[in-house]
Each structure stands twice: as structure tokens, then as C-alpha cells.
PDB file of all heavy atoms in Angstrom:
ATOM      1  N   LEU A   1      88.523 104.361 112.112  1.00  0.00           N
ATOM      2  CA  LEU A   1      89.058 105.568 111.511  1.00  0.00           C
ATOM      3  C   LEU A   1      89.239 105.220 110.004  1.00  0.00           C
ATOM      4  O   LEU A   1      90.068 104.407 109.620  1.00  0.00           O
ATOM      5  CB  LEU A   1      90.254 106.147 112.197  1.00  0.00           C
ATOM      6  CG  LEU A   1      90.851 107.447 111.550  1.00  0.00           C
ATOM      7  CD1 LEU A   1      89.895 108.556 111.711  1.00  0.00           C
ATOM      8  CD2 LEU A   1      92.156 107.682 112.159  1.00  0.00           C
ATOM      9  N   LEU A   2      88.381 105.831 109.207  1.00  0.00           N
ATOM     10  CA  LEU A   2      88.557 105.657 107.708  1.00  0.00           C
ATOM     11  C   LEU A   2      89.746 106.389 107.100  1.00  0.00           C
ATOM     12  O   LEU A   2      90.114 107.359 107.771  1.00  0.00           O
ATOM     13  CB  LEU A   2      87.267 106.053 107.058  1.00  0.00           C
ATOM     14  CG  LEU A   2      86.022 105.250 107.457  1.00  0.00           C
ATOM     15  CD1 LEU A   2      84.744 105.954 106.854  1.00  0.00           C
ATOM     16  CD2 LEU A   2      86.116 103.903 106.929  1.00  0.00           C
ATOM     17  N   PRO A   3      90.253 105.970 106.005  1.00  0.00           N
ATOM     18  CA  PRO A   3      91.457 106.611 105.422  1.00  0.00           C
ATOM     19  C   PRO A   3      91.251 108.159 105.158  1.00  0.00           C
ATOM     20  O   PRO A   3      92.165 108.925 105.121  1.00  0.00           O
ATOM     21  CB  PRO A   3      91.611 105.886 104.019  1.00  0.00           C
ATOM     22  CG  PRO A   3      91.103 104.481 104.326  1.00  0.00           C
ATOM     23  CD  PRO A   3      89.887 104.837 105.208  1.00  0.00           C
ATOM     24  N   ASP A   4      89.901 108.562 104.917  1.00  0.00           N
ATOM     25  CA  ASP A   4      89.616 110.012 104.671  1.00  0.00           C
ATOM     26  C   ASP A   4      89.565 110.741 105.949  1.00  0.00           C
ATOM     27  O   ASP A   4      89.190 111.996 105.979  1.00  0.00           O
ATOM     28  CB  ASP A   4      88.479 110.188 103.797  1.00  0.00           C
ATOM     29  CG  ASP A   4      87.173 109.704 104.442  1.00  0.00           C
ATOM     30  OD1 ASP A   4      87.278 109.236 105.706  1.00  0.00           O
ATOM     31  OD2 ASP A   4      86.073 109.700 103.808  1.00  0.00           O
ATOM     32  N   GLY A   5      89.785 110.168 107.145  1.00  0.00           N
ATOM     33  CA  GLY A   5      89.725 110.848 108.394  1.00  0.00           C
ATOM     34  C   GLY A   5      88.401 110.810 109.142  1.00  0.00           C
ATOM     35  O   GLY A   5      88.212 111.250 110.212  1.00  0.00           O
ATOM     36  N   LYS A   6      87.380 110.324 108.430  1.00  0.00           N
ATOM     37  CA  LYS A   6      86.043 110.192 109.029  1.00  0.00           C
ATOM     38  C   LYS A   6      85.888 108.938 109.886  1.00  0.00           C
ATOM     39  O   LYS A   6      86.763 108.082 109.724  1.00  0.00           O
ATOM     40  CB  LYS A   6      84.980 110.149 107.967  1.00  0.00           C
ATOM     41  CG  LYS A   6      84.888 111.381 107.203  1.00  0.00           C
ATOM     42  CD  LYS A   6      83.748 111.266 106.062  1.00  0.00           C
ATOM     43  CE  LYS A   6      83.688 112.684 105.368  1.00  0.00           C
ATOM     44  NZ  LYS A   6      82.847 112.574 104.243  1.00  0.00           N
ATOM     45  N   THR A   7      84.980 108.949 110.774  1.00  0.00           N
ATOM     46  CA  THR A   7      84.822 107.688 111.650  1.00  0.00           C
ATOM     47  C   THR A   7      83.555 106.957 111.262  1.00  0.00           C
ATOM     48  O   THR A   7      82.580 107.613 110.767  1.00  0.00           O
ATOM     49  CB  THR A   7      84.751 108.084 113.165  1.00  0.00           C
ATOM     50  OG1 THR A   7      83.660 108.972 113.362  1.00  0.00           O
ATOM     51  CG2 THR A   7      85.971 108.846 113.632  1.00  0.00           C
ATOM     52  N   THR A   8      83.489 105.618 111.559  1.00  0.00           N
ATOM     53  CA  THR A   8      82.426 104.892 111.281  1.00  0.00           C
ATOM     54  C   THR A   8      82.228 103.979 112.542  1.00  0.00           C
ATOM     55  O   THR A   8      83.224 103.529 113.112  1.00  0.00           O
ATOM     56  CB  THR A   8      82.578 104.047 110.049  1.00  0.00           C
ATOM     57  OG1 THR A   8      81.378 103.319 109.691  1.00  0.00           O
ATOM     58  CG2 THR A   8      83.786 103.057 110.063  1.00  0.00           C
ATOM     59  N   GLU A   9      80.975 103.581 112.717  1.00  0.00           N
ATOM     60  CA  GLU A   9      80.701 102.698 113.923  1.00  0.00           C
ATOM     61  C   GLU A   9      80.903 101.200 113.479  1.00  0.00           C
ATOM     62  O   GLU A   9      80.441 100.848 112.373  1.00  0.00           O
ATOM     63  CB  GLU A   9      79.250 102.793 114.403  1.00  0.00           C
ATOM     64  CG  GLU A   9      78.964 104.102 115.195  1.00  0.00           C
ATOM     65  CD  GLU A   9      77.627 104.152 115.847  1.00  0.00           C
ATOM     66  OE1 GLU A   9      76.817 103.116 115.687  1.00  0.00           O
ATOM     67  OE2 GLU A   9      77.341 105.141 116.332  1.00  0.00           O
ATOM     68  N   LEU A  10      81.749 100.576 114.184  1.00  0.00           N
ATOM     69  CA  LEU A  10      81.979  99.123 113.812  1.00  0.00           C
ATOM     70  C   LEU A  10      81.102  98.121 114.668  1.00  0.00           C
ATOM     71  O   LEU A  10      80.828  97.116 114.222  1.00  0.00           O
ATOM     72  CB  LEU A  10      83.510  98.871 114.009  1.00  0.00           C
ATOM     73  CG  LEU A  10      84.422  99.731 113.042  1.00  0.00           C
ATOM     74  CD1 LEU A  10      85.851  99.409 113.468  1.00  0.00           C
ATOM     75  CD2 LEU A  10      84.128  99.412 111.656  1.00  0.00           C
ATOM     76  N   ALA A  11      80.859  98.562 115.884  1.00  0.00           N
ATOM     77  CA  ALA A  11      80.226  97.647 116.871  1.00  0.00           C
ATOM     78  C   ALA A  11      79.553  98.441 118.019  1.00  0.00           C
ATOM     79  O   ALA A  11      80.117  99.457 118.456  1.00  0.00           O
ATOM     80  CB  ALA A  11      81.044  96.597 117.414  1.00  0.00           C
ATOM     81  N   ASN A  12      78.507  98.067 118.457  1.00  0.00           N
ATOM     82  CA  ASN A  12      77.863  98.576 119.686  1.00  0.00           C
ATOM     83  C   ASN A  12      77.556  97.452 120.668  1.00  0.00           C
ATOM     84  O   ASN A  12      77.156  96.436 120.349  1.00  0.00           O
ATOM     85  CB  ASN A  12      76.464  99.232 119.258  1.00  0.00           C
ATOM     86  CG  ASN A  12      76.715 100.434 118.358  1.00  0.00           C
ATOM     87  OD1 ASN A  12      77.179 101.430 118.888  1.00  0.00           O
ATOM     88  ND2 ASN A  12      76.290 100.320 117.120  1.00  0.00           N
ATOM     89  N   TYR A  13      77.660  97.881 121.941  1.00  0.00           N
ATOM     90  CA  TYR A  13      77.509  96.976 123.046  1.00  0.00           C
ATOM     91  C   TYR A  13      76.629  97.675 124.204  1.00  0.00           C
ATOM     92  O   TYR A  13      76.750  98.783 124.481  1.00  0.00           O
ATOM     93  CB  TYR A  13      78.795  96.681 123.755  1.00  0.00           C
ATOM     94  CG  TYR A  13      79.708  95.836 122.780  1.00  0.00           C
ATOM     95  CD1 TYR A  13      80.672  96.553 121.941  1.00  0.00           C
ATOM     96  CD2 TYR A  13      79.800  94.413 122.733  1.00  0.00           C
ATOM     97  CE1 TYR A  13      81.385  95.884 121.005  1.00  0.00           C
ATOM     98  CE2 TYR A  13      80.523  93.811 121.878  1.00  0.00           C
ATOM     99  CZ  TYR A  13      81.339  94.446 121.034  1.00  0.00           C
ATOM    100  OH  TYR A  13      82.135  93.768 120.151  1.00  0.00           O
ATOM    101  N   GLU A  14      75.677  96.901 124.685  1.00  0.00           N
ATOM    102  CA  GLU A  14      74.838  97.283 125.773  1.00  0.00           C
ATOM    103  C   GLU A  14      75.610  97.340 127.115  1.00  0.00           C
ATOM    104  O   GLU A  14      76.725  96.828 127.209  1.00  0.00           O
ATOM    105  CB  GLU A  14      73.602  96.216 125.891  1.00  0.00           C
ATOM    106  CG  GLU A  14      72.640  96.258 124.812  1.00  0.00           C
ATOM    107  CD  GLU A  14      72.074  97.643 124.498  1.00  0.00           C
ATOM    108  OE1 GLU A  14      71.613  98.277 125.384  1.00  0.00           O
ATOM    109  OE2 GLU A  14      72.026  98.044 123.289  1.00  0.00           O
ATOM    110  N   PRO A  15      74.997  97.969 128.094  1.00  0.00           N
ATOM    111  CA  PRO A  15      75.780  98.170 129.350  1.00  0.00           C
ATOM    112  C   PRO A  15      76.194  96.682 129.860  1.00  0.00           C
ATOM    113  O   PRO A  15      75.466  95.783 129.720  1.00  0.00           O
ATOM    114  CB  PRO A  15      74.800  98.767 130.308  1.00  0.00           C
ATOM    115  CG  PRO A  15      73.853  99.601 129.359  1.00  0.00           C
ATOM    116  CD  PRO A  15      73.857  98.835 128.084  1.00  0.00           C
ATOM    117  N   GLU A  16      77.432  96.622 130.386  1.00  0.00           N
ATOM    118  CA  GLU A  16      77.950  95.500 130.956  1.00  0.00           C
ATOM    119  C   GLU A  16      78.303  94.346 129.947  1.00  0.00           C
ATOM    120  O   GLU A  16      78.611  93.269 130.373  1.00  0.00           O
ATOM    121  CB  GLU A  16      77.167  94.998 132.132  1.00  0.00           C
ATOM    122  CG  GLU A  16      77.003  95.995 133.295  1.00  0.00           C
ATOM    123  CD  GLU A  16      76.545  95.434 134.618  1.00  0.00           C
ATOM    124  OE1 GLU A  16      76.800  94.166 134.804  1.00  0.00           O
ATOM    125  OE2 GLU A  16      76.034  96.185 135.387  1.00  0.00           O
ATOM    126  N   ASN A  17      78.245  94.675 128.728  1.00  0.00           N
ATOM    127  CA  ASN A  17      78.552  93.624 127.661  1.00  0.00           C
ATOM    128  C   ASN A  17      79.900  93.883 127.013  1.00  0.00           C
ATOM    129  O   ASN A  17      80.316  93.146 126.084  1.00  0.00           O
ATOM    130  CB  ASN A  17      77.437  93.553 126.634  1.00  0.00           C
ATOM    131  CG  ASN A  17      76.225  92.820 126.991  1.00  0.00           C
ATOM    132  OD1 ASN A  17      76.166  92.215 128.021  1.00  0.00           O
ATOM    133  ND2 ASN A  17      75.148  93.023 126.331  1.00  0.00           N
ATOM    134  N   LEU A  18      80.697  94.768 127.427  1.00  0.00           N
ATOM    135  CA  LEU A  18      82.023  94.944 126.967  1.00  0.00           C
ATOM    136  C   LEU A  18      83.077  95.071 128.098  1.00  0.00           C
ATOM    137  O   LEU A  18      83.787  94.135 128.288  1.00  0.00           O
ATOM    138  CB  LEU A  18      82.076  96.223 125.978  1.00  0.00           C
ATOM    139  CG  LEU A  18      83.378  96.334 125.269  1.00  0.00           C
ATOM    140  CD1 LEU A  18      83.599  95.144 124.290  1.00  0.00           C
ATOM    141  CD2 LEU A  18      83.420  97.490 124.385  1.00  0.00           C
ATOM    142  N   PHE A  19      83.120  96.180 128.785  1.00  0.00           N
ATOM    143  CA  PHE A  19      84.005  96.326 129.848  1.00  0.00           C
ATOM    144  C   PHE A  19      83.294  96.060 131.128  1.00  0.00           C
ATOM    145  O   PHE A  19      82.711  96.967 131.831  1.00  0.00           O
ATOM    146  CB  PHE A  19      84.602  97.741 129.910  1.00  0.00           C
ATOM    147  CG  PHE A  19      85.534  97.923 128.753  1.00  0.00           C
ATOM    148  CD1 PHE A  19      85.204  98.780 127.664  1.00  0.00           C
ATOM    149  CD2 PHE A  19      86.794  97.444 128.745  1.00  0.00           C
ATOM    150  CE1 PHE A  19      86.071  98.968 126.665  1.00  0.00           C
ATOM    151  CE2 PHE A  19      87.746  97.585 127.789  1.00  0.00           C
ATOM    152  CZ  PHE A  19      87.398  98.423 126.710  1.00  0.00           C
ATOM    153  N   ASN A  20      83.216  94.802 131.588  1.00  0.00           N
ATOM    154  CA  ASN A  20      82.551  94.276 132.719  1.00  0.00           C
ATOM    155  C   ASN A  20      83.539  93.654 133.630  1.00  0.00           C
ATOM    156  O   ASN A  20      84.257  92.714 133.216  1.00  0.00           O
ATOM    157  CB  ASN A  20      81.494  93.281 132.287  1.00  0.00           C
ATOM    158  CG  ASN A  20      80.751  92.749 133.477  1.00  0.00           C
ATOM    159  OD1 ASN A  20      81.154  92.770 134.669  1.00  0.00           O
ATOM    160  ND2 ASN A  20      79.485  92.126 133.226  1.00  0.00           N
ATOM    161  N   PRO A  21      83.845  94.203 134.837  1.00  0.00           N
ATOM    162  CA  PRO A  21      84.890  93.683 135.704  1.00  0.00           C
ATOM    163  C   PRO A  21      84.591  92.182 136.202  1.00  0.00           C
ATOM    164  O   PRO A  21      85.642  91.509 136.459  1.00  0.00           O
ATOM    165  CB  PRO A  21      84.743  94.611 136.896  1.00  0.00           C
ATOM    166  CG  PRO A  21      84.205  95.893 136.401  1.00  0.00           C
ATOM    167  CD  PRO A  21      83.247  95.491 135.355  1.00  0.00           C
ATOM    168  N   ARG A  22      83.431  91.699 136.019  1.00  0.00           N
ATOM    169  CA  ARG A  22      83.135  90.317 136.415  1.00  0.00           C
ATOM    170  C   ARG A  22      83.428  89.374 135.285  1.00  0.00           C
ATOM    171  O   ARG A  22      83.456  88.174 135.409  1.00  0.00           O
ATOM    172  CB  ARG A  22      81.801  90.173 136.908  1.00  0.00           C
ATOM    173  CG  ARG A  22      81.543  90.932 138.218  1.00  0.00           C
ATOM    174  CD  ARG A  22      80.144  90.773 138.779  1.00  0.00           C
ATOM    175  NE  ARG A  22      79.158  91.059 137.863  1.00  0.00           N
ATOM    176  CZ  ARG A  22      78.521  92.185 137.599  1.00  0.00           C
ATOM    177  NH1 ARG A  22      78.993  93.224 138.236  1.00  0.00           N
ATOM    178  NH2 ARG A  22      77.620  92.332 136.648  1.00  0.00           N
ATOM    179  N   MET A  23      83.308  89.895 134.046  1.00  0.00           N
ATOM    180  CA  MET A  23      83.414  88.958 132.806  1.00  0.00           C
ATOM    181  C   MET A  23      84.128  89.724 131.564  1.00  0.00           C
ATOM    182  O   MET A  23      83.446  90.427 130.860  1.00  0.00           O
ATOM    183  CB  MET A  23      82.078  88.506 132.334  1.00  0.00           C
ATOM    184  CG  MET A  23      82.092  87.496 131.250  1.00  0.00           C
ATOM    185  SD  MET A  23      80.435  86.833 130.904  1.00  0.00           S
ATOM    186  CE  MET A  23      80.070  85.977 132.463  1.00  0.00           C
ATOM    187  N   PRO A  24      85.338  89.381 131.353  1.00  0.00           N
ATOM    188  CA  PRO A  24      86.004  90.057 130.126  1.00  0.00           C
ATOM    189  C   PRO A  24      85.361  89.503 128.918  1.00  0.00           C
ATOM    190  O   PRO A  24      84.697  88.446 128.909  1.00  0.00           O
ATOM    191  CB  PRO A  24      87.337  89.498 130.304  1.00  0.00           C
ATOM    192  CG  PRO A  24      87.549  89.046 131.746  1.00  0.00           C
ATOM    193  CD  PRO A  24      86.243  88.568 132.163  1.00  0.00           C
ATOM    194  N   ARG A  25      85.429  90.192 127.851  1.00  0.00           N
ATOM    195  CA  ARG A  25      84.744  89.877 126.639  1.00  0.00           C
ATOM    196  C   ARG A  25      85.695  90.110 125.371  1.00  0.00           C
ATOM    197  O   ARG A  25      86.591  91.084 125.409  1.00  0.00           O
ATOM    198  CB  ARG A  25      83.566  90.820 126.306  1.00  0.00           C
ATOM    199  CG  ARG A  25      82.558  90.815 127.449  1.00  0.00           C
ATOM    200  CD  ARG A  25      81.531  89.747 127.209  1.00  0.00           C
ATOM    201  NE  ARG A  25      80.659  89.911 128.288  1.00  0.00           N
ATOM    202  CZ  ARG A  25      79.499  89.078 128.383  1.00  0.00           C
ATOM    203  NH1 ARG A  25      79.363  88.182 127.470  1.00  0.00           N
ATOM    204  NH2 ARG A  25      78.664  89.222 129.348  1.00  0.00           N
ATOM    205  N   TYR A  26      85.470  89.313 124.351  1.00  0.00           N
ATOM    206  CA  TYR A  26      86.076  89.567 123.051  1.00  0.00           C
ATOM    207  C   TYR A  26      85.187  90.574 122.362  1.00  0.00           C
ATOM    208  O   TYR A  26      83.975  90.515 122.552  1.00  0.00           O
ATOM    209  CB  TYR A  26      86.215  88.255 122.248  1.00  0.00           C
ATOM    210  CG  TYR A  26      87.257  87.434 122.614  1.00  0.00           C
ATOM    211  CD1 TYR A  26      87.337  86.383 123.454  1.00  0.00           C
ATOM    212  CD2 TYR A  26      88.657  87.762 122.074  1.00  0.00           C
ATOM    213  CE1 TYR A  26      88.359  85.632 123.882  1.00  0.00           C
ATOM    214  CE2 TYR A  26      89.694  87.008 122.322  1.00  0.00           C
ATOM    215  CZ  TYR A  26      89.523  85.993 123.215  1.00  0.00           C
ATOM    216  OH  TYR A  26      90.719  85.174 123.527  1.00  0.00           O
ATOM    217  N   ILE A  27      85.767  91.463 121.455  1.00  0.00           N
ATOM    218  CA  ILE A  27      84.951  92.232 120.732  1.00  0.00           C
ATOM    219  C   ILE A  27      84.527  91.572 119.414  1.00  0.00           C
ATOM    220  O   ILE A  27      85.177  90.502 119.032  1.00  0.00           O
ATOM    221  CB  ILE A  27      85.660  93.625 120.276  1.00  0.00           C
ATOM    222  CG1 ILE A  27      86.866  93.408 119.405  1.00  0.00           C
ATOM    223  CG2 ILE A  27      86.039  94.428 121.602  1.00  0.00           C
ATOM    224  CD1 ILE A  27      87.413  94.748 118.881  1.00  0.00           C
ATOM    225  N   ALA A  28      83.512  92.029 118.705  1.00  0.00           N
ATOM    226  CA  ALA A  28      83.013  91.453 117.524  1.00  0.00           C
ATOM    227  C   ALA A  28      84.137  91.454 116.442  1.00  0.00           C
ATOM    228  O   ALA A  28      84.936  92.273 116.300  1.00  0.00           O
ATOM    229  CB  ALA A  28      81.827  92.240 116.964  1.00  0.00           C
ATOM    230  N   VAL A  29      84.010  90.327 115.742  1.00  0.00           N
ATOM    231  CA  VAL A  29      85.063  90.053 114.689  1.00  0.00           C
ATOM    232  C   VAL A  29      85.123  91.134 113.628  1.00  0.00           C
ATOM    233  O   VAL A  29      86.166  91.527 113.165  1.00  0.00           O
ATOM    234  CB  VAL A  29      84.858  88.639 114.014  1.00  0.00           C
ATOM    235  CG1 VAL A  29      85.704  88.547 112.848  1.00  0.00           C
ATOM    236  CG2 VAL A  29      85.019  87.582 114.940  1.00  0.00           C
ATOM    237  N   ASN A  30      83.853  91.703 113.350  1.00  0.00           N
ATOM    238  CA  ASN A  30      83.857  92.737 112.253  1.00  0.00           C
ATOM    239  C   ASN A  30      84.421  94.041 112.650  1.00  0.00           C
ATOM    240  O   ASN A  30      84.824  94.887 111.870  1.00  0.00           O
ATOM    241  CB  ASN A  30      82.353  92.991 111.779  1.00  0.00           C
ATOM    242  CG  ASN A  30      81.542  93.614 112.984  1.00  0.00           C
ATOM    243  OD1 ASN A  30      81.668  93.192 114.114  1.00  0.00           O
ATOM    244  ND2 ASN A  30      80.552  94.356 112.661  1.00  0.00           N
ATOM    245  N   ALA A  31      84.641  94.222 114.015  1.00  0.00           N
ATOM    246  CA  ALA A  31      85.351  95.440 114.446  1.00  0.00           C
ATOM    247  C   ALA A  31      86.899  95.325 114.173  1.00  0.00           C
ATOM    248  O   ALA A  31      87.597  96.305 114.105  1.00  0.00           O
ATOM    249  CB  ALA A  31      85.091  95.635 115.944  1.00  0.00           C
ATOM    250  N   MET A  32      87.406  94.143 114.055  1.00  0.00           N
ATOM    251  CA  MET A  32      88.776  93.830 113.759  1.00  0.00           C
ATOM    252  C   MET A  32      88.970  93.768 112.300  1.00  0.00           C
ATOM    253  O   MET A  32      89.385  92.826 111.673  1.00  0.00           O
ATOM    254  CB  MET A  32      89.306  92.718 114.485  1.00  0.00           C
ATOM    255  CG  MET A  32      89.141  92.676 116.030  1.00  0.00           C
ATOM    256  SD  MET A  32      90.228  93.984 116.690  1.00  0.00           S
ATOM    257  CE  MET A  32      91.815  93.371 116.448  1.00  0.00           C
ATOM    258  N   CYS A  33      88.724  95.012 111.563  1.00  0.00           N
ATOM    259  CA  CYS A  33      88.671  94.905 110.109  1.00  0.00           C
ATOM    260  C   CYS A  33      89.899  95.588 109.511  1.00  0.00           C
ATOM    261  O   CYS A  33      89.979  95.893 108.261  1.00  0.00           O
ATOM    262  CB  CYS A  33      87.476  95.711 109.598  1.00  0.00           C
ATOM    263  SG  CYS A  33      87.293  97.368 110.116  1.00  0.00           S
ATOM    264  N   GLY A  34      90.891  95.903 110.274  1.00  0.00           N
ATOM    265  CA  GLY A  34      92.218  96.496 109.875  1.00  0.00           C
ATOM    266  C   GLY A  34      92.277  97.980 109.998  1.00  0.00           C
ATOM    267  O   GLY A  34      93.271  98.554 109.762  1.00  0.00           O
TER     268      GLY A  34
END
């Protein structure tokens, strides 16, 4: 969420590469930008 209220994409993940019950994941560092 940008300061002007608009949204921007920070990271994209293919199926089963983010919320996978068999394997937890860290998100990309660039998504943790403040």
C-alpha cells in the first residue's frame, strides 16, 4: 500500500510456492520494504 492509497505488486508466487501445507516459505526480501 503506497502512501497515496494506491497498491503495487511486490512479489508473485506460483501455485504451492507460498502457502503450502507441506513446506512453509519465507517471502521475498523486496516485499519487506516497509
